Structure formats: C-alpha cells, structure tokens
Amino acid sequence: MGPGGSIRERGLSPADPGGDAGVLRAKWDQRYGSAEGLPEPALVLREYAHLLPGRGEALELACGLGASALWLAERGFRVSAWDLSPVAIRQLSAHAQERGLPVAASVRDVIAEPPPPDCFDLILVAHFLERGLAPAIAAALRPGGLLFYQTFSREAVSDCGPSDPMYRLAPNELLGLFPDLIVRAYSDEGRIGDTGRGIRDLALLVAQRPEGSDPEPPP
C-alpha cells in the first residue's frame, strides 16, 4: 500500500529546523483539530508486524494522532507517545482511555528533549525526519530493541509528501543514519520496474540494537 491521505502522510513534518516551537505547535494544533478520524497505523509496522517483539516498552516519536501507538498497545505493548501538539495528545489520550489501552501520551518537543538512553524495546518514527536525532534514537533502544522507521524518499513516483527535498531521504540515506544497528528489513524501491506495484515513495527500515552493545552516544 502506498502513502495514504492522513495529515502526516502528506509530509507536513512537525520538525522545522530553525522554526519557532510555538508557531509549529499552533500550526499542528489547527491541523489536528480539523482532522476527521484516525489515519492507518504506520505502513512499516503493518508490513513487518511479524518482526515485532512479543511485548515491552514502546515509543512513538512525533506521534501525531497516535494511530500507531494505539495499534501497538492493542498488541500488548506499554506505549509512550510524544508530540509537540497538545490537541493531538488530548485526542490520543481520549482514544486510549475509551479503549482501555496503556498509552502514556505526552506533549513533548522531541528535538529539544530527545528520548533518554536504554529505555525502549521498540521505537517507531513515521514521517518525521530530524537527522540530528538519529544517534539519540539509536541510543534510546535497549539491547535487542527494534527501530521501525519510515519516511518519504526523494526517488518518488507521485507528488505525495513534502516538496522540499530536505524533508526526504536520499537513496540509502536511512541506512547511514543508524550505522550501529543491525538491519533486519529495508525497502526503498525508487522508480525502477513497474512503479504501479510495490511500496513506492517511502523508505522503510527495521533495525535492531545488538545485544550487549553500546551505540555511539548522541553528541
């Protein structure tokens, strides 16, 4: 399945290097406030669900309305979900409470306050690209923990996603952002072959922190 029609899947990244957090928060509050329903959970989770650990502590970073956080909680994870937008977090908290799901949703500027090290068995990042956070994300995994990551690639076949190439990944760039992790699954199909088939416009990664390892600490 290709990118859908959700807010986040149109590449409106909440991360704007150099942008004012208050301005970004107001923009995303407005957009999430007018959103109808929940988007689908992240494609990387659905495509590689067979790689999920049985249970543990999970984090959805820059979660938006938190469809993936709810999906993970339904599968037995204790989930933390962080986003800059109070509107999104209120909606996610209400959905989690209605369903009786263990989701701790918090308003958090993840660029200013990245995740601490050695805390999570699974981290999901979907359609949020802040390259400088990559070392902190890798370090936040516990040994054996898994990173599920997806965002837009520059070798796209449609106009879905951000127009600025800075918010898109160059070929194989996602692999280079997490050099200390073991690649368990990767997809970046570009424009080759029958472009009407497969997973296009996106790079997807599942990578694991090695057991007994210490990734490079974030600067």
C-alpha atoms as a PDB file:
ATOM      1  CA  MET A   1       0.000   0.000   0.000  1.00  0.00           C
ATOM      2  CA  GLY A   2       1.301   3.445  -0.832  1.00  0.00           C
ATOM      3  CA  PRO A   3       1.009   6.565   1.304  1.00  0.00           C
ATOM      4  CA  GLY A   4      -2.499   7.333   2.427  1.00  0.00           C
ATOM      5  CA  GLY A   5      -4.379  10.531   2.947  1.00  0.00           C
ATOM      6  CA  SER A   6      -3.613  11.298   6.569  1.00  0.00           C
ATOM      7  CA  ILE A   7      -2.119  14.577   7.693  1.00  0.00           C
ATOM      8  CA  ARG A   8       1.260  13.089   8.463  1.00  0.00           C
ATOM      9  CA  GLU A   9       1.392  11.034   5.283  1.00  0.00           C
ATOM     10  CA  ARG A  10       1.273  14.207   3.226  1.00  0.00           C
ATOM     11  CA  GLY A  11       4.676  15.145   4.521  1.00  0.00           C
ATOM     12  CA  LEU A  12       3.696  18.101   6.679  1.00  0.00           C
ATOM     13  CA  SER A  13       6.563  17.488   9.049  1.00  0.00           C
ATOM     14  CA  PRO A  14       6.276  18.967  12.554  1.00  0.00           C
ATOM     15  CA  ALA A  15      10.049  19.298  12.572  1.00  0.00           C
ATOM     16  CA  ASP A  16      11.178  22.564  11.049  1.00  0.00           C
ATOM     17  CA  PRO A  17      14.835  23.235  11.869  1.00  0.00           C
ATOM     18  CA  GLY A  18      15.139  26.826  12.902  1.00  0.00           C
ATOM     19  CA  GLY A  19      11.370  27.184  13.299  1.00  0.00           C
ATOM     20  CA  ASP A  20       9.723  28.574  16.418  1.00  0.00           C
ATOM     21  CA  ALA A  21       8.196  25.808  18.537  1.00  0.00           C
ATOM     22  CA  GLY A  22       5.179  27.944  19.416  1.00  0.00           C
ATOM     23  CA  VAL A  23       4.406  28.669  15.769  1.00  0.00           C
ATOM     24  CA  LEU A  24       4.783  24.998  14.867  1.00  0.00           C
ATOM     25  CA  ARG A  25       2.594  23.967  17.776  1.00  0.00           C
ATOM     26  CA  ALA A  26      -0.181  26.353  16.693  1.00  0.00           C
ATOM     27  CA  LYS A  27       0.022  25.114  13.099  1.00  0.00           C
ATOM     28  CA  TRP A  28      -0.241  21.472  14.119  1.00  0.00           C
ATOM     29  CA  ASP A  29      -2.952  22.146  16.686  1.00  0.00           C
ATOM     30  CA  GLN A  30      -5.075  23.648  13.927  1.00  0.00           C
ATOM     31  CA  ARG A  31      -4.470  20.779  11.535  1.00  0.00           C
ATOM     32  CA  TYR A  32      -5.032  18.020  14.065  1.00  0.00           C
ATOM     33  CA  GLY A  33      -8.104  19.822  15.384  1.00  0.00           C
ATOM     34  CA  SER A  34      -9.712  19.700  11.936  1.00  0.00           C
ATOM     35  CA  ALA A  35      -8.700  16.103  11.185  1.00  0.00           C
ATOM     36  CA  GLU A  36     -11.502  13.580  10.733  1.00  0.00           C
ATOM     37  CA  GLY A  37     -10.871  10.221  12.352  1.00  0.00           C
ATOM     38  CA  LEU A  38      -7.601   8.376  12.768  1.00  0.00           C
ATOM     39  CA  PRO A  39      -5.166   7.521   9.974  1.00  0.00           C
ATOM     40  CA  GLU A  40      -3.963   3.980   9.432  1.00  0.00           C
ATOM     41  CA  PRO A  41      -1.064   2.766  11.569  1.00  0.00           C
ATOM     42  CA  ALA A  42       2.356   3.216  10.004  1.00  0.00           C
ATOM     43  CA  LEU A  43       2.982   1.032   6.978  1.00  0.00           C
ATOM     44  CA  VAL A  44       6.330  -0.142   8.363  1.00  0.00           C
ATOM     45  CA  LEU A  45       4.509  -1.672  11.346  1.00  0.00           C
ATOM     46  CA  ARG A  46       1.875  -3.374   9.226  1.00  0.00           C
ATOM     47  CA  GLU A  47       4.350  -4.600   6.628  1.00  0.00           C
ATOM     48  CA  TYR A  48       6.763  -6.050   9.190  1.00  0.00           C
ATOM     49  CA  ALA A  49       4.388  -6.969  12.004  1.00  0.00           C
ATOM     50  CA  HIS A  50       5.940 -10.437  12.079  1.00  0.00           C
ATOM     51  CA  LEU A  51       9.180  -8.869  13.402  1.00  0.00           C
ATOM     52  CA  LEU A  52       7.558  -7.284  16.451  1.00  0.00           C
ATOM     53  CA  PRO A  53       8.772  -8.487  19.848  1.00  0.00           C
ATOM     54  CA  GLY A  54       6.123 -10.098  21.987  1.00  0.00           C
ATOM     55  CA  ARG A  55       5.799  -7.245  24.453  1.00  0.00           C
ATOM     56  CA  GLY A  56       7.756  -4.465  26.117  1.00  0.00           C
ATOM     57  CA  GLU A  57       8.115  -0.700  26.306  1.00  0.00           C
ATOM     58  CA  ALA A  58       7.407   1.107  23.037  1.00  0.00           C
ATOM     59  CA  LEU A  59       7.744   4.742  21.986  1.00  0.00           C
ATOM     60  CA  GLU A  60       6.064   6.502  19.089  1.00  0.00           C
ATOM     61  CA  LEU A  61       8.134   9.608  18.454  1.00  0.00           C
ATOM     62  CA  ALA A  62       6.290  12.633  16.989  1.00  0.00           C
ATOM     63  CA  CYS A  63       3.126  10.557  17.169  1.00  0.00           C
ATOM     64  CA  GLY A  64       0.507  12.977  15.865  1.00  0.00           C
ATOM     65  CA  LEU A  65      -2.931  11.482  16.486  1.00  0.00           C
ATOM     66  CA  GLY A  66      -1.266   8.254  17.591  1.00  0.00           C
ATOM     67  CA  ALA A  67      -2.905   5.583  15.451  1.00  0.00           C
ATOM     68  CA  SER A  68       0.290   3.543  15.591  1.00  0.00           C
ATOM     69  CA  ALA A  69       0.580   3.979  19.361  1.00  0.00           C
ATOM     70  CA  LEU A  70      -2.925   2.573  19.768  1.00  0.00           C
ATOM     71  CA  TRP A  71      -2.120  -0.271  17.368  1.00  0.00           C
ATOM     72  CA  LEU A  72       0.953  -1.211  19.404  1.00  0.00           C
ATOM     73  CA  ALA A  73      -0.936  -1.012  22.691  1.00  0.00           C
ATOM     74  CA  GLU A  74      -3.590  -3.346  21.286  1.00  0.00           C
ATOM     75  CA  ARG A  75      -0.779  -5.850  20.704  1.00  0.00           C
ATOM     76  CA  GLY A  76       0.432  -5.857  24.274  1.00  0.00           C
ATOM     77  CA  PHE A  77       2.991  -3.046  24.396  1.00  0.00           C
ATOM     78  CA  ARG A  78       3.161  -0.379  27.080  1.00  0.00           C
ATOM     79  CA  VAL A  79       3.369   2.686  24.890  1.00  0.00           C
ATOM     80  CA  SER A  80       4.708   6.189  25.341  1.00  0.00           C
ATOM     81  CA  ALA A  81       3.632   8.641  22.637  1.00  0.00           C
ATOM     82  CA  TRP A  82       5.124  12.126  22.300  1.00  0.00           C
ATOM     83  CA  ASP A  83       4.173  15.041  20.114  1.00  0.00           C
ATOM     84  CA  LEU A  84       4.510  18.819  20.053  1.00  0.00           C
ATOM     85  CA  SER A  85       0.753  19.329  19.620  1.00  0.00           C
ATOM     86  CA  PRO A  86      -1.453  19.415  22.741  1.00  0.00           C
ATOM     87  CA  VAL A  87      -4.519  18.942  20.524  1.00  0.00           C
ATOM     88  CA  ALA A  88      -3.144  15.693  19.110  1.00  0.00           C
ATOM     89  CA  ILE A  89      -2.146  14.430  22.547  1.00  0.00           C
ATOM     90  CA  ARG A  90      -5.590  15.188  24.020  1.00  0.00           C
ATOM     91  CA  GLN A  91      -7.271  13.278  21.204  1.00  0.00           C
ATOM     92  CA  LEU A  92      -4.892  10.336  21.553  1.00  0.00           C
ATOM     93  CA  SER A  93      -5.372  10.216  25.322  1.00  0.00           C
ATOM     94  CA  ALA A  94      -9.144  10.161  24.851  1.00  0.00           C
ATOM     95  CA  HIS A  95      -8.950   7.320  22.327  1.00  0.00           C
ATOM     96  CA  ALA A  96      -6.658   5.312  24.606  1.00  0.00           C
ATOM     97  CA  GLN A  97      -8.936   5.828  27.614  1.00  0.00           C
ATOM     98  CA  GLU A  98     -12.023   4.822  25.625  1.00  0.00           C
ATOM     99  CA  ARG A  99     -10.314   1.581  24.573  1.00  0.00           C
ATOM    100  CA  GLY A 100      -8.669   0.893  27.924  1.00  0.00           C
ATOM    101  CA  LEU A 101      -5.201   0.855  26.367  1.00  0.00           C
ATOM    102  CA  PRO A 102      -1.863   1.511  28.135  1.00  0.00           C
ATOM    103  CA  VAL A 103      -0.747   4.614  26.224  1.00  0.00           C
ATOM    104  CA  ALA A 104       1.059   7.393  28.099  1.00  0.00           C
ATOM    105  CA  ALA A 105       0.647  10.365  25.750  1.00  0.00           C
ATOM    106  CA  SER A 106       2.691  13.488  26.479  1.00  0.00           C
ATOM    107  CA  VAL A 107       3.272  16.882  24.922  1.00  0.00           C
ATOM    108  CA  ARG A 108       6.989  16.968  24.219  1.00  0.00           C
ATOM    109  CA  ASP A 109       9.312  18.795  21.848  1.00  0.00           C
ATOM    110  CA  VAL A 110      11.377  15.788  20.845  1.00  0.00           C
ATOM    111  CA  ILE A 111      14.074  17.926  19.229  1.00  0.00           C
ATOM    112  CA  ALA A 112      14.680  19.907  22.418  1.00  0.00           C
ATOM    113  CA  GLU A 113      14.110  16.859  24.647  1.00  0.00           C
ATOM    114  CA  PRO A 114      15.080  13.624  22.882  1.00  0.00           C
ATOM    115  CA  PRO A 115      14.463  10.202  24.430  1.00  0.00           C
ATOM    116  CA  PRO A 116      16.866   9.079  27.167  1.00  0.00           C
ATOM    117  CA  PRO A 117      19.177   6.101  26.562  1.00  0.00           C
ATOM    118  CA  ASP A 118      18.360   2.442  27.179  1.00  0.00           C
ATOM    119  CA  CYS A 119      14.633   2.902  27.751  1.00  0.00           C
ATOM    120  CA  PHE A 120      12.656   1.229  24.950  1.00  0.00           C
ATOM    121  CA  ASP A 121      12.248  -2.189  23.377  1.00  0.00           C
ATOM    122  CA  LEU A 122      10.672  -0.637  20.287  1.00  0.00           C
ATOM    123  CA  ILE A 123      10.750   2.853  18.789  1.00  0.00           C
ATOM    124  CA  LEU A 124       8.578   3.953  15.893  1.00  0.00           C
ATOM    125  CA  VAL A 125       9.254   7.042  13.793  1.00  0.00           C
ATOM    126  CA  ALA A 126       6.896   7.728  10.887  1.00  0.00           C
ATOM    127  CA  HIS A 127       7.058  10.750   8.583  1.00  0.00           C
ATOM    128  CA  PHE A 128       9.285  12.746  10.900  1.00  0.00           C
ATOM    129  CA  LEU A 129      12.806  13.483   9.711  1.00  0.00           C
ATOM    130  CA  GLU A 130      15.248  15.240  12.014  1.00  0.00           C
ATOM    131  CA  ARG A 131      18.618  13.796  11.081  1.00  0.00           C
ATOM    132  CA  GLY A 132      20.381  15.123  14.163  1.00  0.00           C
ATOM    133  CA  LEU A 133      18.157  12.992  16.404  1.00  0.00           C
ATOM    134  CA  ALA A 134      19.311   9.691  14.899  1.00  0.00           C
ATOM    135  CA  PRO A 135      22.088   8.990  17.462  1.00  0.00           C
ATOM    136  CA  ALA A 136      19.730   9.666  20.375  1.00  0.00           C
ATOM    137  CA  ILE A 137      17.048   7.422  18.862  1.00  0.00           C
ATOM    138  CA  ALA A 138      19.510   4.560  18.441  1.00  0.00           C
ATOM    139  CA  ALA A 139      20.836   5.029  21.972  1.00  0.00           C
ATOM    140  CA  ALA A 140      17.293   5.040  23.404  1.00  0.00           C
ATOM    141  CA  LEU A 141      16.829   1.406  22.375  1.00  0.00           C
ATOM    142  CA  ARG A 142      17.589  -1.277  24.906  1.00  0.00           C
ATOM    143  CA  PRO A 143      19.955  -4.053  23.769  1.00  0.00           C
ATOM    144  CA  GLY A 144      17.990  -6.175  21.333  1.00  0.00           C
ATOM    145  CA  GLY A 145      15.443  -3.399  20.823  1.00  0.00           C
ATOM    146  CA  LEU A 146      13.956  -2.621  17.421  1.00  0.00           C
ATOM    147  CA  LEU A 147      13.607   0.608  15.471  1.00  0.00           C
ATOM    148  CA  PHE A 148      10.738   0.866  12.974  1.00  0.00           C
ATOM    149  CA  TYR A 149      11.238   3.905  10.738  1.00  0.00           C
ATOM    150  CA  GLN A 150       9.523   5.210   7.615  1.00  0.00           C
ATOM    151  CA  THR A 151       9.501   8.484   5.765  1.00  0.00           C
ATOM    152  CA  PHE A 152       9.453   9.891   2.260  1.00  0.00           C
ATOM    153  CA  SER A 153      12.225   9.265  -0.248  1.00  0.00           C
ATOM    154  CA  ARG A 154      13.500  11.578  -2.960  1.00  0.00           C
ATOM    155  CA  GLU A 155      13.077   8.907  -5.646  1.00  0.00           C
ATOM    156  CA  ALA A 156       9.305   9.277  -5.634  1.00  0.00           C
ATOM    157  CA  VAL A 157       6.789   8.301  -8.302  1.00  0.00           C
ATOM    158  CA  SER A 158       3.971  10.557  -7.059  1.00  0.00           C
ATOM    159  CA  ASP A 159       3.625  14.056  -5.648  1.00  0.00           C
ATOM    160  CA  CYS A 160       2.620  12.775  -2.213  1.00  0.00           C
ATOM    161  CA  GLY A 161       4.786  14.183   0.558  1.00  0.00           C
ATOM    162  CA  PRO A 162       6.895  17.294   1.068  1.00  0.00           C
ATOM    163  CA  SER A 163       8.143  19.313  -1.886  1.00  0.00           C
ATOM    164  CA  ASP A 164      11.369  20.306  -0.118  1.00  0.00           C
ATOM    165  CA  PRO A 165      13.989  17.561  -0.672  1.00  0.00           C
ATOM    166  CA  MET A 166      15.466  18.312   2.753  1.00  0.00           C
ATOM    167  CA  TYR A 167      12.436  16.540   4.220  1.00  0.00           C
ATOM    168  CA  ARG A 168      13.047  13.490   2.034  1.00  0.00           C
ATOM    169  CA  LEU A 169      15.678  10.774   2.211  1.00  0.00           C
ATOM    170  CA  ALA A 170      18.370  10.289  -0.408  1.00  0.00           C
ATOM    171  CA  PRO A 171      18.852   6.702  -1.654  1.00  0.00           C
ATOM    172  CA  ASN A 172      20.155   4.528   1.200  1.00  0.00           C
ATOM    173  CA  GLU A 173      20.409   7.560   3.498  1.00  0.00           C
ATOM    174  CA  LEU A 174      18.257   5.935   6.163  1.00  0.00           C
ATOM    175  CA  LEU A 175      20.770   3.092   6.473  1.00  0.00           C
ATOM    176  CA  GLY A 176      23.564   5.583   7.079  1.00  0.00           C
ATOM    177  CA  LEU A 177      21.679   7.379   9.831  1.00  0.00           C
ATOM    178  CA  PHE A 178      21.764   4.264  12.042  1.00  0.00           C
ATOM    179  CA  PRO A 179      25.150   2.616  11.382  1.00  0.00           C
ATOM    180  CA  ASP A 180      25.359   0.872  14.773  1.00  0.00           C
ATOM    181  CA  LEU A 181      22.091  -1.014  14.317  1.00  0.00           C
ATOM    182  CA  ILE A 182      21.596  -4.343  12.539  1.00  0.00           C
ATOM    183  CA  VAL A 183      19.341  -4.053   9.508  1.00  0.00           C
ATOM    184  CA  ARG A 184      16.520  -6.587   9.741  1.00  0.00           C
ATOM    185  CA  ALA A 185      14.356  -5.241   6.918  1.00  0.00           C
ATOM    186  CA  TYR A 186      14.720  -2.399   4.430  1.00  0.00           C
ATOM    187  CA  SER A 187      12.714  -1.149   1.464  1.00  0.00           C
ATOM    188  CA  ASP A 188      13.466   1.766  -0.843  1.00  0.00           C
ATOM    189  CA  GLU A 189      12.238   0.753  -4.292  1.00  0.00           C
ATOM    190  CA  GLY A 190      12.797   4.047  -6.081  1.00  0.00           C
ATOM    191  CA  ARG A 191      11.498   4.312  -9.636  1.00  0.00           C
ATOM    192  CA  ILE A 192      12.626   1.015 -11.142  1.00  0.00           C
ATOM    193  CA  GLY A 193      10.386  -1.666 -12.640  1.00  0.00           C
ATOM    194  CA  ASP A 194       6.592  -1.484 -12.560  1.00  0.00           C
ATOM    195  CA  THR A 195       6.047   1.655 -10.493  1.00  0.00           C
ATOM    196  CA  GLY A 196       2.382   0.836 -10.071  1.00  0.00           C
ATOM    197  CA  ARG A 197       3.329  -2.033  -7.797  1.00  0.00           C
ATOM    198  CA  GLY A 198       5.244  -2.392  -4.560  1.00  0.00           C
ATOM    199  CA  ILE A 199       5.990   0.207  -1.896  1.00  0.00           C
ATOM    200  CA  ARG A 200       6.833   3.471  -3.601  1.00  0.00           C
ATOM    201  CA  ASP A 201       7.667   6.989  -2.402  1.00  0.00           C
ATOM    202  CA  LEU A 202       8.803   5.690   1.013  1.00  0.00           C
ATOM    203  CA  ALA A 203      11.887   4.262   2.669  1.00  0.00           C
ATOM    204  CA  LEU A 204      11.128   1.684   5.376  1.00  0.00           C
ATOM    205  CA  LEU A 205      13.607   0.340   7.903  1.00  0.00           C
ATOM    206  CA  VAL A 206      13.501  -2.174  10.723  1.00  0.00           C
ATOM    207  CA  ALA A 207      16.810  -2.266  12.600  1.00  0.00           C
ATOM    208  CA  GLN A 208      17.971  -3.812  15.858  1.00  0.00           C
ATOM    209  CA  ARG A 209      20.386  -2.710  18.523  1.00  0.00           C
ATOM    210  CA  PRO A 210      22.793  -5.610  19.047  1.00  0.00           C
ATOM    211  CA  GLU A 211      22.602  -7.460  22.336  1.00  0.00           C
ATOM    212  CA  GLY A 212      25.257  -6.281  24.771  1.00  0.00           C
ATOM    213  CA  SER A 213      26.179  -3.264  22.649  1.00  0.00           C
ATOM    214  CA  ASP A 214      26.540   0.419  23.358  1.00  0.00           C
ATOM    215  CA  PRO A 215      25.683   2.606  20.358  1.00  0.00           C
ATOM    216  CA  GLU A 216      27.605   5.816  19.893  1.00  0.00           C
ATOM    217  CA  PRO A 217      26.223   8.297  22.439  1.00  0.00           C
ATOM    218  CA  PRO A 218      24.428  11.327  20.996  1.00  0.00           C
ATOM    219  CA  PRO A 219      26.566  14.469  20.789  1.00  0.00           C
END
